Amino acid sequence: MLATSLGHAGILIECEAGSILCDPWFEPAFLGSWFVFPRNDQLDDDLLDRIENADYLYVSHLHGDHHDAQWLKSHLRRDIPILLPDYPTSEQKRELEQLGFTNFIHTEDGVEQVLRDGLSIAIHVETSITDGPGGDSAIVVSDGTHRIVNQNDCRTHDLAALRSHGPVDLHWLQYSGAIWYPMVYELGAAEMAQLCSAKVESQGARALKYVEALDARCVVPSAGPPAFLDDDLFHLNMISGDEASIFPDQQWFLQQLAEAGKNGVLAIPGSTISVTANDISVSHPLPESDVRAIFNDKRSYLQRYRDDWQPWLDDLHQSWNREPTDLVSRIAAWWEPLMAKAPTVCELIGDPILIQAMNDDGSSVEIFVDVHSKNVLDGSTIDNASDKAGFRFTLPRNLLELTVDNGAVDWSNSLLLSCRFTAWRKGPYNEYVYNFLKSLSVERMTRTEAEARSKITTSTSQVVEDDVEVGDFIVQRRCPHRNADFSVFGEIDGEDLVCTLHGWRFDTATGRCRTSDDHPVRIRRQET
């Protein structure tokens, strides 16, 4: 069994029965902020041919460093079988269909299924809004003898689930940062350094918990860090280790693994790891001295990388030029109906959000999002708008115009992960602010509101919720599996009530759970 790194979370898994292309990412992501590190724009022709002619495609989730829409559209045949994670909505499938893909293999969360004799997979999904409203996933691949777990950056809540299919040979997982916090926040240098250090430590500790749970023969650090080549962002690269950054590289985590007594292996784009019963070996596309130089002389490596891509970056910046529009009214028309659908989310956000769109001359447009009244207002008409806000985002106007032009339903994916903004908050972290900004469509906001209501219900035992209508039936609001709201996720399929969040089924006549024992629901047919 072979696993070849394509950079970041990209892997080509090959065995005698076939090959699976996982998360191929080649085009810079998040407004040209993230580049693959080490670079993967110099792969040899043989590997590129194997990539483009893989038997199956697996895209773990919709973030731009995994779902590289432009590359997928340009390099893969339209009928390649795509392994679809068992997400509660069809958003990922719709996105892939828009790129022209036609052949989908639906999977069931956590259930192993045979693709061919000698090739089986199991895809595990996470569906909390914090994982991204579209979900996140990890895949287990087996050739019947050996097993690879590609966890990428999926934060599975069940540490034993990925191990449940049998002993693991290779465990690929994220260990480095994949967020904008804390670097974009308006903080003093000492506090920023302390928070970055704490973040790096917590990232490593979480990754090691997964490593211990899976207990694989070998661990491969993957899914990060990105490289930042734009001059405005170059300081985010961790080179000496003293930078205010949450992006340590593979060498750092290999040291953490060694200290924990775990076997780790370095893979750069083009490195192939061979797994046999007696050995796990790696073959790099470069001489060993050149591989070491990537990390030992990282600054020079990144500068050469940047120089090669500078014309592309210059063109990208030019493409952002936009004629100014009435951003306040455009965002009001978009967001006010969504806030009306999400009263719980708005209540949990609490304080107003101020968005400052900065012009080149230093002036700004201020968009005041009053979550209490569920209105979007012109901040210049509000006395002391900045003092009244609990959260503030400051960003270039052209990028906000671009984001609104694109109707981006996930600002985390389209804007925030670019790190091309600054943020401030007057109180502690509030997950509902970002959950809102990830959920800017009716479909997504409906799920986000349902999850918020669910958390309140779970934490407030005295709250008794009304039953809900699902088709011709009256059913208890909550699924006994993961507390999903049947008013959102419940569907009637023949004689079954189905919770589409995880696919659990219940007999509509008796309420008996067909998926797991001792999890009945209260259900009755409506009177006519």
Protein backbone atom coordinates (compact mmCIF):
# COMPACT_ATOMS: atom_id res chain seq x y z
CA MET A 1 0.00 0.00 0.00
CA LEU A 2 1.36 3.41 -0.99
CA ALA A 3 0.48 6.90 0.23
CA THR A 4 2.00 9.85 -1.64
CA SER A 5 1.84 13.34 -0.19
CA LEU A 6 0.48 16.00 -2.54
CA GLY A 7 1.02 18.76 -0.01
CA HIS A 8 -1.09 20.00 2.90
CA ALA A 9 -3.93 17.44 3.30
CA GLY A 10 -3.56 16.07 -0.22
CA ILE A 11 -2.80 12.35 -0.47
CA LEU A 12 -2.84 9.84 -3.31
CA ILE A 13 -3.54 6.41 -1.75
CA GLU A 14 -2.72 3.48 -4.04
CA CYS A 15 -3.07 -0.27 -3.68
CA GLU A 16 -3.50 -3.15 -6.10
CA ALA A 17 -7.27 -2.70 -6.26
CA GLY A 18 -7.29 1.00 -7.05
CA SER A 19 -6.41 4.53 -5.98
CA ILE A 20 -8.10 7.32 -4.01
CA LEU A 21 -7.23 10.99 -4.50
CA CYS A 22 -7.76 12.88 -1.24
CA ASP A 23 -8.10 16.67 -0.91
CA PRO A 24 -5.93 17.79 -3.84
CA TRP A 25 -5.08 21.47 -3.26
CA PHE A 26 -2.86 23.35 -5.71
CA GLU A 27 -4.31 26.85 -6.25
CA PRO A 28 -3.64 29.43 -3.47
CA ALA A 29 -6.64 29.70 -1.16
CA PHE A 30 -8.47 32.31 0.90
CA LEU A 31 -7.91 35.40 -1.24
CA GLY A 32 -4.42 34.27 -2.19
CA SER A 33 -3.29 34.16 1.44
CA TRP A 34 -2.59 30.45 1.86
CA PHE A 35 -0.05 28.57 -0.25
CA VAL A 36 0.90 24.92 0.09
CA PHE A 37 4.00 24.35 2.25
CA PRO A 38 6.32 22.90 1.12
CA ARG A 39 5.39 23.93 -2.41
CA ASN A 40 3.63 21.43 -4.66
CA ASP A 41 3.80 23.27 -7.99
CA GLN A 42 6.82 21.23 -9.15
CA LEU A 43 5.57 17.63 -9.00
CA ASP A 44 6.88 15.27 -11.66
CA ASP A 45 4.82 14.27 -14.68
CA ASP A 46 4.35 10.65 -13.61
CA LEU A 47 2.81 11.65 -10.30
CA LEU A 48 0.61 14.27 -11.95
CA ASP A 49 -0.67 11.63 -14.36
CA ARG A 50 -1.48 9.25 -11.50
CA ILE A 51 -3.27 12.06 -9.68
CA GLU A 52 -5.41 13.02 -12.65
CA ASN A 53 -6.29 9.39 -13.39
CA ALA A 54 -7.13 8.28 -9.87
CA ASP A 55 -10.00 5.81 -9.51
CA TYR A 56 -11.85 7.75 -6.79
CA LEU A 57 -11.96 11.28 -5.38
CA TYR A 58 -12.49 12.17 -1.72
CA VAL A 59 -12.92 15.80 -0.64
CA SER A 60 -13.14 15.96 3.13
CA HIS A 61 -15.02 19.28 3.32
CA LEU A 62 -15.64 22.54 1.52
CA HIS A 63 -12.84 24.77 2.82
CA GLY A 64 -10.64 26.13 0.04
CA ASP A 65 -7.49 24.30 1.17
CA HIS A 66 -9.33 20.99 0.66
CA HIS A 67 -11.97 21.78 -1.95
CA ASP A 68 -9.87 23.39 -4.68
CA ALA A 69 -12.72 24.14 -7.07
CA GLN A 70 -10.63 25.58 -9.89
CA TRP A 71 -8.16 22.69 -9.93
CA LEU A 72 -10.89 20.04 -9.61
CA LYS A 73 -12.77 21.55 -12.54
CA SER A 74 -9.68 21.77 -14.75
CA HIS A 75 -7.86 18.50 -14.03
CA LEU A 76 -10.26 15.66 -13.30
CA ARG A 77 -12.66 13.76 -15.52
CA ARG A 78 -16.28 14.61 -14.88
CA ASP A 79 -17.31 11.00 -14.17
CA ILE A 80 -14.70 10.18 -11.52
CA PRO A 81 -16.54 8.42 -8.66
CA ILE A 82 -16.67 10.84 -5.70
CA LEU A 83 -16.90 9.49 -2.15
CA LEU A 84 -19.48 11.70 -0.43
CA PRO A 85 -19.34 12.09 3.36
CA ASP A 86 -22.68 11.53 5.07
CA TYR A 87 -23.45 15.18 5.75
CA PRO A 88 -26.90 16.35 6.90
CA THR A 89 -27.33 18.53 3.82
CA SER A 90 -26.51 18.07 0.14
CA GLU A 91 -24.40 21.23 -0.04
CA GLN A 92 -21.14 19.47 -0.88
CA LYS A 93 -22.77 17.42 -3.63
CA ARG A 94 -24.35 20.55 -5.11
CA GLU A 95 -20.99 22.33 -5.14
CA LEU A 96 -19.37 19.41 -6.97
CA GLU A 97 -22.27 19.14 -9.40
CA GLN A 98 -21.82 22.81 -10.25
CA LEU A 99 -18.27 21.92 -11.29
CA GLY A 100 -19.68 19.31 -13.66
CA PHE A 101 -19.14 16.12 -11.65
CA THR A 102 -21.78 13.44 -12.09
CA ASN A 103 -20.77 10.23 -10.31
CA PHE A 104 -21.30 10.08 -6.54
CA ILE A 105 -20.94 7.27 -4.02
CA HIS A 106 -22.99 8.03 -0.91
CA THR A 107 -21.46 6.76 2.31
CA GLU A 108 -22.88 6.21 5.78
CA ASP A 109 -21.21 7.88 8.74
CA GLY A 110 -18.64 5.57 10.26
CA VAL A 111 -19.73 2.50 8.28
CA GLU A 112 -17.11 0.60 6.32
CA GLN A 113 -18.05 -0.18 2.76
CA VAL A 114 -16.28 -2.06 -0.01
CA LEU A 115 -15.46 -0.12 -3.16
CA ARG A 116 -13.76 -3.05 -4.86
CA ASP A 117 -12.39 -6.37 -3.74
CA GLY A 118 -9.28 -5.30 -1.86
CA LEU A 119 -10.30 -1.66 -1.31
CA SER A 120 -12.69 -0.47 1.40
CA ILE A 121 -13.35 2.87 3.06
CA ALA A 122 -15.17 4.33 6.04
CA ILE A 123 -15.85 8.06 6.27
CA HIS A 124 -16.52 9.62 9.67
CA VAL A 125 -18.23 13.00 9.78
CA GLU A 126 -18.47 15.85 12.28
CA THR A 127 -21.50 18.10 11.91
CA SER A 128 -21.30 20.75 14.63
CA ILE A 129 -21.50 24.27 13.19
CA THR A 130 -18.04 24.92 14.63
CA ASP A 131 -16.77 22.26 12.21
CA GLY A 132 -18.23 24.34 9.40
CA PRO A 133 -21.93 24.21 8.55
CA GLY A 134 -21.15 21.92 5.63
CA GLY A 135 -19.40 19.53 8.00
CA ASP A 136 -15.92 18.01 8.20
CA SER A 137 -14.80 14.43 7.79
CA ALA A 138 -12.01 11.88 8.02
CA ILE A 139 -11.51 8.74 5.93
CA VAL A 140 -10.22 5.26 6.77
CA VAL A 141 -8.83 3.33 3.78
CA SER A 142 -7.97 -0.38 3.83
CA ASP A 143 -6.65 -2.84 1.27
CA GLY A 144 -7.65 -5.77 3.46
CA THR A 145 -4.22 -6.00 5.05
CA HIS A 146 -3.11 -2.45 5.80
CA ARG A 147 -5.03 0.60 6.93
CA ILE A 148 -4.54 4.35 6.52
CA VAL A 149 -6.43 6.96 8.50
CA ASN A 150 -6.54 10.36 6.83
CA GLN A 151 -7.88 12.56 9.61
CA ASN A 152 -6.76 15.83 7.94
CA ASP A 153 -8.20 18.59 10.17
CA CYS A 154 -11.35 16.78 11.30
CA ARG A 155 -11.79 17.16 15.05
CA THR A 156 -13.62 13.93 15.67
CA HIS A 157 -15.44 13.88 19.01
CA ASP A 158 -15.04 10.12 19.37
CA LEU A 159 -11.37 9.30 19.88
CA ALA A 160 -11.96 5.58 19.37
CA ALA A 161 -14.13 5.73 16.25
CA LEU A 162 -11.34 5.92 13.68
CA ARG A 163 -9.54 3.03 15.37
CA SER A 164 -12.66 0.84 15.48
CA HIS A 165 -12.06 -0.57 11.98
CA GLY A 166 -8.83 -2.26 13.03
CA PRO A 167 -5.13 -1.55 13.61
CA VAL A 168 -3.82 1.55 11.84
CA ASP A 169 -0.58 1.64 9.86
CA LEU A 170 -0.44 5.32 8.84
CA HIS A 171 -2.18 8.18 10.62
CA TRP A 172 -2.19 11.50 8.73
CA LEU A 173 -3.45 14.43 10.81
CA GLN A 174 -3.33 18.16 11.37
CA TYR A 175 -1.18 19.55 14.17
CA SER A 176 -0.66 23.19 13.06
CA GLY A 177 -2.97 26.19 13.12
CA ALA A 178 -5.82 26.67 10.67
CA ILE A 179 -7.48 29.79 12.00
CA TRP A 180 -7.00 33.56 12.21
CA TYR A 181 -6.89 33.71 16.00
CA PRO A 182 -5.15 35.38 17.71
CA MET A 183 -2.99 37.07 15.06
CA VAL A 184 -5.68 39.38 13.68
CA TYR A 185 -6.82 40.65 17.08
CA GLU A 186 -5.92 44.14 18.30
CA LEU A 187 -3.59 43.12 21.12
CA GLY A 188 -0.30 44.23 22.58
CA ALA A 189 2.85 42.40 21.52
CA ALA A 190 3.35 40.57 24.82
CA GLU A 191 -0.25 39.36 25.04
CA MET A 192 -0.20 38.34 21.37
CA ALA A 193 2.96 36.28 21.88
CA GLN A 194 1.52 34.60 24.96
CA LEU A 195 -1.75 33.71 23.23
CA CYS A 196 0.04 32.35 20.16
CA SER A 197 2.27 30.20 22.32
CA ALA A 198 -0.73 28.85 24.23
CA LYS A 199 -2.54 28.13 20.98
CA VAL A 200 0.40 26.18 19.56
CA GLU A 201 0.65 24.17 22.76
CA SER A 202 -3.07 23.31 22.77
CA GLN A 203 -2.99 22.34 19.07
CA GLY A 204 -0.13 19.95 19.70
CA ALA A 205 -1.78 18.47 22.79
CA ARG A 206 -5.02 17.83 20.91
CA ALA A 207 -3.16 16.18 18.02
CA LEU A 208 -1.26 13.94 20.44
CA LYS A 209 -4.54 12.77 21.96
CA TYR A 210 -5.61 11.57 18.54
CA VAL A 211 -2.22 9.96 18.02
CA GLU A 212 -2.51 8.08 21.32
CA ALA A 213 -6.07 6.98 20.58
CA LEU A 214 -5.26 5.55 17.15
CA ASP A 215 -1.85 4.16 18.16
CA ALA A 216 -0.77 3.84 14.53
CA ARG A 217 2.51 2.30 13.47
CA CYS A 218 3.52 5.66 12.03
CA VAL A 219 2.18 9.25 12.15
CA VAL A 220 2.45 11.71 9.25
CA PRO A 221 2.07 15.42 10.10
CA SER A 222 -0.19 16.94 7.43
CA ALA A 223 -2.92 19.53 6.67
CA GLY A 224 -0.62 22.41 7.47
CA PRO A 225 0.96 24.74 7.98
CA PRO A 226 0.17 27.01 5.03
CA ALA A 227 2.82 29.34 3.65
CA PHE A 228 2.08 33.06 3.54
CA LEU A 229 3.82 34.66 0.56
CA ASP A 230 2.04 38.00 0.31
CA ASP A 231 4.20 40.79 1.76
CA ASP A 232 1.32 41.87 4.01
CA LEU A 233 1.14 38.41 5.57
CA PHE A 234 4.71 37.09 5.41
CA HIS A 235 5.15 37.73 9.16
CA LEU A 236 2.63 34.95 9.89
CA ASN A 237 5.11 32.28 8.82
CA MET A 238 6.84 30.59 11.75
CA ILE A 239 10.51 30.56 10.81
CA SER A 240 12.65 31.13 13.91
CA GLY A 241 9.91 30.15 16.32
CA ASP A 242 9.81 33.59 17.88
CA GLU A 243 7.10 34.94 15.58
CA ALA A 244 3.57 35.68 16.84
CA SER A 245 2.23 32.76 14.83
CA ILE A 246 0.26 29.57 15.36
CA PHE A 247 1.79 27.81 12.35
CA PRO A 248 4.69 25.55 13.41
CA ASP A 249 5.92 23.24 10.68
CA GLN A 250 6.30 19.48 10.36
CA GLN A 251 9.67 19.36 12.10
CA TRP A 252 8.15 20.82 15.25
CA PHE A 253 5.47 18.14 15.48
CA LEU A 254 7.90 15.36 14.64
CA GLN A 255 9.83 16.44 17.73
CA GLN A 256 6.62 16.34 19.80
CA LEU A 257 5.98 12.82 18.53
CA ALA A 258 9.51 11.70 19.37
CA GLU A 259 9.21 13.06 22.89
CA ALA A 260 5.95 11.14 23.29
CA GLY A 261 7.62 7.93 22.10
CA LYS A 262 5.69 7.85 18.81
CA ASN A 263 7.05 7.09 15.36
CA GLY A 264 6.65 10.01 12.96
CA VAL A 265 7.73 10.47 9.36
CA LEU A 266 8.23 13.62 7.30
CA ALA A 267 6.39 13.82 3.99
CA ILE A 268 6.79 16.69 1.54
CA PRO A 269 4.85 16.96 -1.74
CA GLY A 270 5.93 14.00 -3.85
CA SER A 271 7.09 11.86 -0.90
CA THR A 272 5.78 8.30 -1.14
CA ILE A 273 5.32 6.18 1.99
CA SER A 274 5.29 2.44 1.41
CA VAL A 275 3.54 0.21 3.94
CA THR A 276 4.30 -3.49 4.22
CA ALA A 277 3.89 -5.96 7.05
CA ASN A 278 7.50 -5.55 8.10
CA ASP A 279 8.39 -2.00 7.20
CA ILE A 280 7.21 1.55 6.62
CA SER A 281 9.60 3.42 4.35
CA VAL A 282 9.57 6.85 2.70
CA SER A 283 10.99 7.98 -0.62
CA HIS A 284 11.39 11.74 -1.16
CA PRO A 285 11.34 13.50 -4.56
CA LEU A 286 14.48 15.46 -3.58
CA PRO A 287 17.87 14.55 -2.16
CA GLU A 288 17.84 14.38 1.63
CA SER A 289 20.02 17.49 1.89
CA ASP A 290 17.50 19.49 -0.15
CA VAL A 291 14.65 18.25 2.01
CA ARG A 292 16.48 19.37 5.15
CA ALA A 293 17.21 22.77 3.59
CA ILE A 294 13.48 23.51 3.24
CA PHE A 295 13.23 23.62 7.02
CA ASN A 296 16.77 24.57 8.06
CA ASP A 297 16.88 27.58 5.72
CA LYS A 298 13.17 28.22 5.67
CA ARG A 299 13.33 31.97 5.16
CA SER A 300 15.33 31.63 1.94
CA TYR A 301 13.03 28.87 0.75
CA LEU A 302 9.94 31.00 1.34
CA GLN A 303 11.52 34.04 -0.31
CA ARG A 304 12.30 32.06 -3.47
CA TYR A 305 8.78 30.65 -3.41
CA ARG A 306 7.38 34.17 -3.07
CA ASP A 307 9.49 35.52 -5.92
CA ASP A 308 8.14 32.83 -8.24
CA TRP A 309 4.55 33.70 -7.38
CA GLN A 310 4.87 37.48 -7.12
CA PRO A 311 3.42 38.20 -10.62
CA TRP A 312 0.40 36.07 -9.74
CA LEU A 313 -0.05 37.95 -6.47
CA ASP A 314 0.22 41.30 -8.25
CA ASP A 315 -2.51 40.27 -10.69
CA LEU A 316 -4.65 39.04 -7.81
CA HIS A 317 -4.49 42.38 -6.03
CA GLN A 318 -5.48 44.13 -9.25
CA SER A 319 -8.50 41.86 -9.62
CA TRP A 320 -9.88 43.10 -6.30
CA ASN A 321 -10.59 46.61 -7.60
CA ARG A 322 -14.29 47.34 -7.30
CA GLU A 323 -16.61 50.27 -7.85
CA PRO A 324 -18.04 51.30 -4.46
CA THR A 325 -21.62 50.25 -3.76
CA ASP A 326 -24.11 50.82 -0.95
CA LEU A 327 -22.78 48.10 1.31
CA VAL A 328 -25.13 48.93 4.17
CA SER A 329 -28.28 48.35 2.15
CA ARG A 330 -26.86 45.27 0.38
CA ILE A 331 -25.89 43.57 3.64
CA ALA A 332 -29.18 44.64 5.26
CA ALA A 333 -31.19 43.00 2.48
CA TRP A 334 -29.13 39.84 2.88
CA TRP A 335 -28.70 39.55 6.65
CA GLU A 336 -31.92 40.92 8.15
CA PRO A 337 -34.06 37.98 6.93
CA LEU A 338 -31.43 35.57 8.25
CA MET A 339 -31.41 37.23 11.67
CA ALA A 340 -35.19 36.95 11.75
CA LYS A 341 -34.78 33.19 11.29
CA ALA A 342 -32.18 32.95 14.07
CA PRO A 343 -33.52 34.60 17.25
CA THR A 344 -31.58 32.24 19.51
CA VAL A 345 -28.30 32.87 17.72
CA CYS A 346 -28.88 36.64 17.87
CA GLU A 347 -29.68 36.45 21.57
CA LEU A 348 -26.50 34.47 22.24
CA ILE A 349 -24.40 36.97 20.26
CA GLY A 350 -25.94 39.70 22.40
CA ASP A 351 -23.92 42.80 21.54
CA PRO A 352 -23.94 44.60 18.18
CA ILE A 353 -21.32 43.83 15.54
CA LEU A 354 -19.52 46.69 13.81
CA ILE A 355 -17.96 46.06 10.39
CA GLN A 356 -15.57 48.78 9.22
CA ALA A 357 -14.86 48.72 5.48
CA MET A 358 -11.73 50.82 4.95
CA ASN A 359 -11.18 52.93 1.83
CA ASP A 360 -7.72 53.58 0.42
CA ASP A 361 -7.81 57.16 1.72
CA GLY A 362 -8.32 56.04 5.33
CA SER A 363 -12.06 56.77 5.47
CA SER A 364 -14.48 53.96 6.13
CA VAL A 365 -18.00 52.68 5.70
CA GLU A 366 -19.43 51.44 8.99
CA ILE A 367 -22.01 48.65 8.99
CA PHE A 368 -23.70 48.35 12.40
CA VAL A 369 -25.36 44.96 12.90
CA ASP A 370 -27.86 45.29 15.75
CA VAL A 371 -28.64 41.67 16.61
CA HIS A 372 -31.17 42.74 19.25
CA SER A 373 -33.42 44.59 16.80
CA LYS A 374 -32.22 42.35 13.93
CA ASN A 375 -31.38 45.36 11.78
CA VAL A 376 -28.34 46.36 9.74
CA LEU A 377 -27.73 50.12 10.02
CA ASP A 378 -25.37 52.79 8.77
CA GLY A 379 -22.90 53.17 11.63
CA SER A 380 -22.32 56.82 10.80
CA THR A 381 -25.89 57.60 11.86
CA ILE A 382 -25.42 56.07 15.32
CA ASP A 383 -23.80 58.05 18.11
CA ASN A 384 -20.66 56.31 19.40
CA ALA A 385 -21.30 53.21 17.28
CA SER A 386 -17.85 51.83 18.06
CA ASP A 387 -18.42 52.13 21.82
CA LYS A 388 -21.79 50.39 21.57
CA ALA A 389 -20.44 47.42 19.60
CA GLY A 390 -19.27 44.29 21.35
CA PHE A 391 -17.42 43.01 18.30
CA ARG A 392 -15.56 44.85 15.56
CA PHE A 393 -14.12 43.68 12.24
CA THR A 394 -11.96 46.05 10.17
CA LEU A 395 -11.06 45.09 6.62
CA PRO A 396 -10.33 46.59 3.18
CA ARG A 397 -13.48 47.77 1.47
CA ASN A 398 -12.60 46.12 -1.82
CA LEU A 399 -12.50 42.70 -0.13
CA LEU A 400 -15.87 43.30 1.50
CA GLU A 401 -17.31 44.41 -1.84
CA LEU A 402 -15.89 41.23 -3.41
CA THR A 403 -17.33 39.03 -0.67
CA VAL A 404 -20.77 40.58 -1.03
CA ASP A 405 -20.58 40.39 -4.83
CA ASN A 406 -19.91 36.66 -4.53
CA GLY A 407 -22.77 36.12 -2.07
CA ALA A 408 -20.35 34.11 0.08
CA VAL A 409 -22.39 32.05 2.53
CA ASP A 410 -19.36 31.15 4.67
CA TRP A 411 -17.25 34.19 5.55
CA SER A 412 -14.84 31.95 7.42
CA ASN A 413 -13.96 30.19 4.17
CA SER A 414 -14.20 33.18 1.83
CA LEU A 415 -12.81 36.02 3.93
CA LEU A 416 -11.72 35.42 7.52
CA LEU A 417 -9.19 32.66 6.88
CA SER A 418 -7.36 35.10 4.62
CA CYS A 419 -6.22 36.90 7.79
CA ARG A 420 -6.65 40.14 5.80
CA PHE A 421 -8.58 41.89 8.58
CA THR A 422 -8.29 42.94 12.20
CA ALA A 423 -10.73 42.11 14.99
CA TRP A 424 -11.63 43.32 18.45
CA ARG A 425 -14.08 42.18 21.10
CA LYS A 426 -14.92 43.67 24.45
CA GLY A 427 -15.61 40.37 26.18
CA PRO A 428 -14.64 36.69 25.92
CA TYR A 429 -14.78 34.60 22.78
CA ASN A 430 -18.31 34.18 21.48
CA GLU A 431 -18.65 31.20 19.14
CA TYR A 432 -22.06 32.39 17.92
CA VAL A 433 -20.58 35.43 16.18
CA TYR A 434 -18.49 33.18 13.96
CA ASN A 435 -21.25 30.56 13.64
CA PHE A 436 -23.42 33.35 12.25
CA LEU A 437 -20.73 34.45 9.80
CA LYS A 438 -20.35 30.85 8.60
CA SER A 439 -24.07 30.47 7.99
CA LEU A 440 -25.18 33.20 5.59
CA SER A 441 -27.82 31.22 3.74
CA VAL A 442 -31.28 30.06 4.77
CA GLU A 443 -30.17 26.42 4.74
CA ARG A 444 -27.12 27.07 6.89
CA MET A 445 -28.79 29.51 9.28
CA THR A 446 -31.62 27.07 9.89
CA ARG A 447 -29.08 24.49 11.07
CA THR A 448 -27.16 27.05 13.12
CA GLU A 449 -30.33 28.21 14.90
CA ALA A 450 -31.33 24.60 15.58
CA GLU A 451 -27.94 23.81 17.09
CA ALA A 452 -28.08 26.91 19.28
CA ARG A 453 -31.54 25.97 20.54
CA SER A 454 -30.33 22.44 21.16
CA LYS A 455 -27.43 23.62 23.31
CA ILE A 456 -29.71 25.79 25.39
CA THR A 457 -32.15 22.91 25.87
CA THR A 458 -29.38 20.53 26.87
CA SER A 459 -27.90 22.93 29.42
CA THR A 460 -31.29 23.96 30.89
CA SER A 461 -32.89 20.78 32.16
CA GLN A 462 -36.07 22.46 33.29
CA VAL A 463 -36.95 23.51 29.74
CA VAL A 464 -39.64 21.27 28.25
CA GLU A 465 -40.05 21.65 24.51
CA ASP A 466 -43.22 21.15 22.55
CA ASP A 467 -43.59 18.26 20.16
CA VAL A 468 -43.16 19.09 16.48
CA GLU A 469 -44.88 18.13 13.25
CA VAL A 470 -42.98 15.98 10.77
CA GLY A 471 -45.12 15.08 7.79
CA ASP A 472 -48.34 13.51 9.06
CA PHE A 473 -46.87 12.80 12.50
CA ILE A 474 -46.40 14.51 15.86
CA VAL A 475 -42.99 13.66 17.30
CA GLN A 476 -40.81 14.74 20.19
CA ARG A 477 -38.58 17.61 19.16
CA ARG A 478 -35.21 15.97 19.88
CA CYS A 479 -33.56 12.93 18.37
CA PRO A 480 -32.27 10.68 21.20
CA HIS A 481 -28.99 10.12 19.36
CA ARG A 482 -27.30 13.55 19.24
CA ASN A 483 -30.18 15.84 20.26
CA ALA A 484 -30.87 16.97 16.69
CA ASP A 485 -34.05 18.97 16.18
CA PHE A 486 -36.62 16.89 14.28
CA SER A 487 -38.28 20.09 13.07
CA VAL A 488 -35.10 20.65 11.06
CA PHE A 489 -33.68 17.18 10.46
CA GLY A 490 -36.76 14.95 10.63
CA GLU A 491 -38.16 13.34 7.47
CA ILE A 492 -40.73 10.61 6.86
CA ASP A 493 -39.45 7.85 4.57
CA GLY A 494 -42.12 5.20 4.08
CA GLU A 495 -42.77 3.66 7.51
CA ASP A 496 -39.76 5.36 9.07
CA LEU A 497 -39.00 8.66 10.73
CA VAL A 498 -35.45 9.55 9.65
CA CYS A 499 -33.11 11.95 11.43
CA THR A 500 -31.06 13.22 8.50
CA LEU A 501 -28.30 14.58 10.74
CA HIS A 502 -26.85 11.09 11.20
CA GLY A 503 -29.34 8.86 9.41
CA TRP A 504 -30.98 7.24 12.44
CA ARG A 505 -34.35 5.58 11.72
CA PHE A 506 -37.42 5.07 13.89
CA ASP A 507 -40.59 3.02 13.32
CA THR A 508 -43.46 5.51 12.93
CA ALA A 509 -45.96 2.97 14.32
CA THR A 510 -44.13 2.16 17.56
CA GLY A 511 -41.33 4.71 17.93
CA ARG A 512 -38.79 1.88 18.11
CA CYS A 513 -35.31 2.82 16.94
CA ARG A 514 -34.21 0.71 14.00
CA THR A 515 -30.62 1.96 14.25
CA SER A 516 -29.77 1.27 17.89
CA ASP A 517 -31.50 -0.50 20.76
CA ASP A 518 -33.07 1.41 23.64
CA HIS A 519 -33.45 4.73 21.83
CA PRO A 520 -37.20 4.97 21.14
CA VAL A 521 -38.98 8.20 20.27
CA ARG A 522 -42.43 9.49 21.15
CA ILE A 523 -44.42 9.64 17.93
CA ARG A 524 -48.07 9.50 16.86
CA ARG A 525 -50.02 10.15 13.69
CA GLN A 526 -51.87 13.46 13.54
CA GLU A 527 -55.62 13.29 13.96
CA THR A 528 -57.62 14.20 10.86
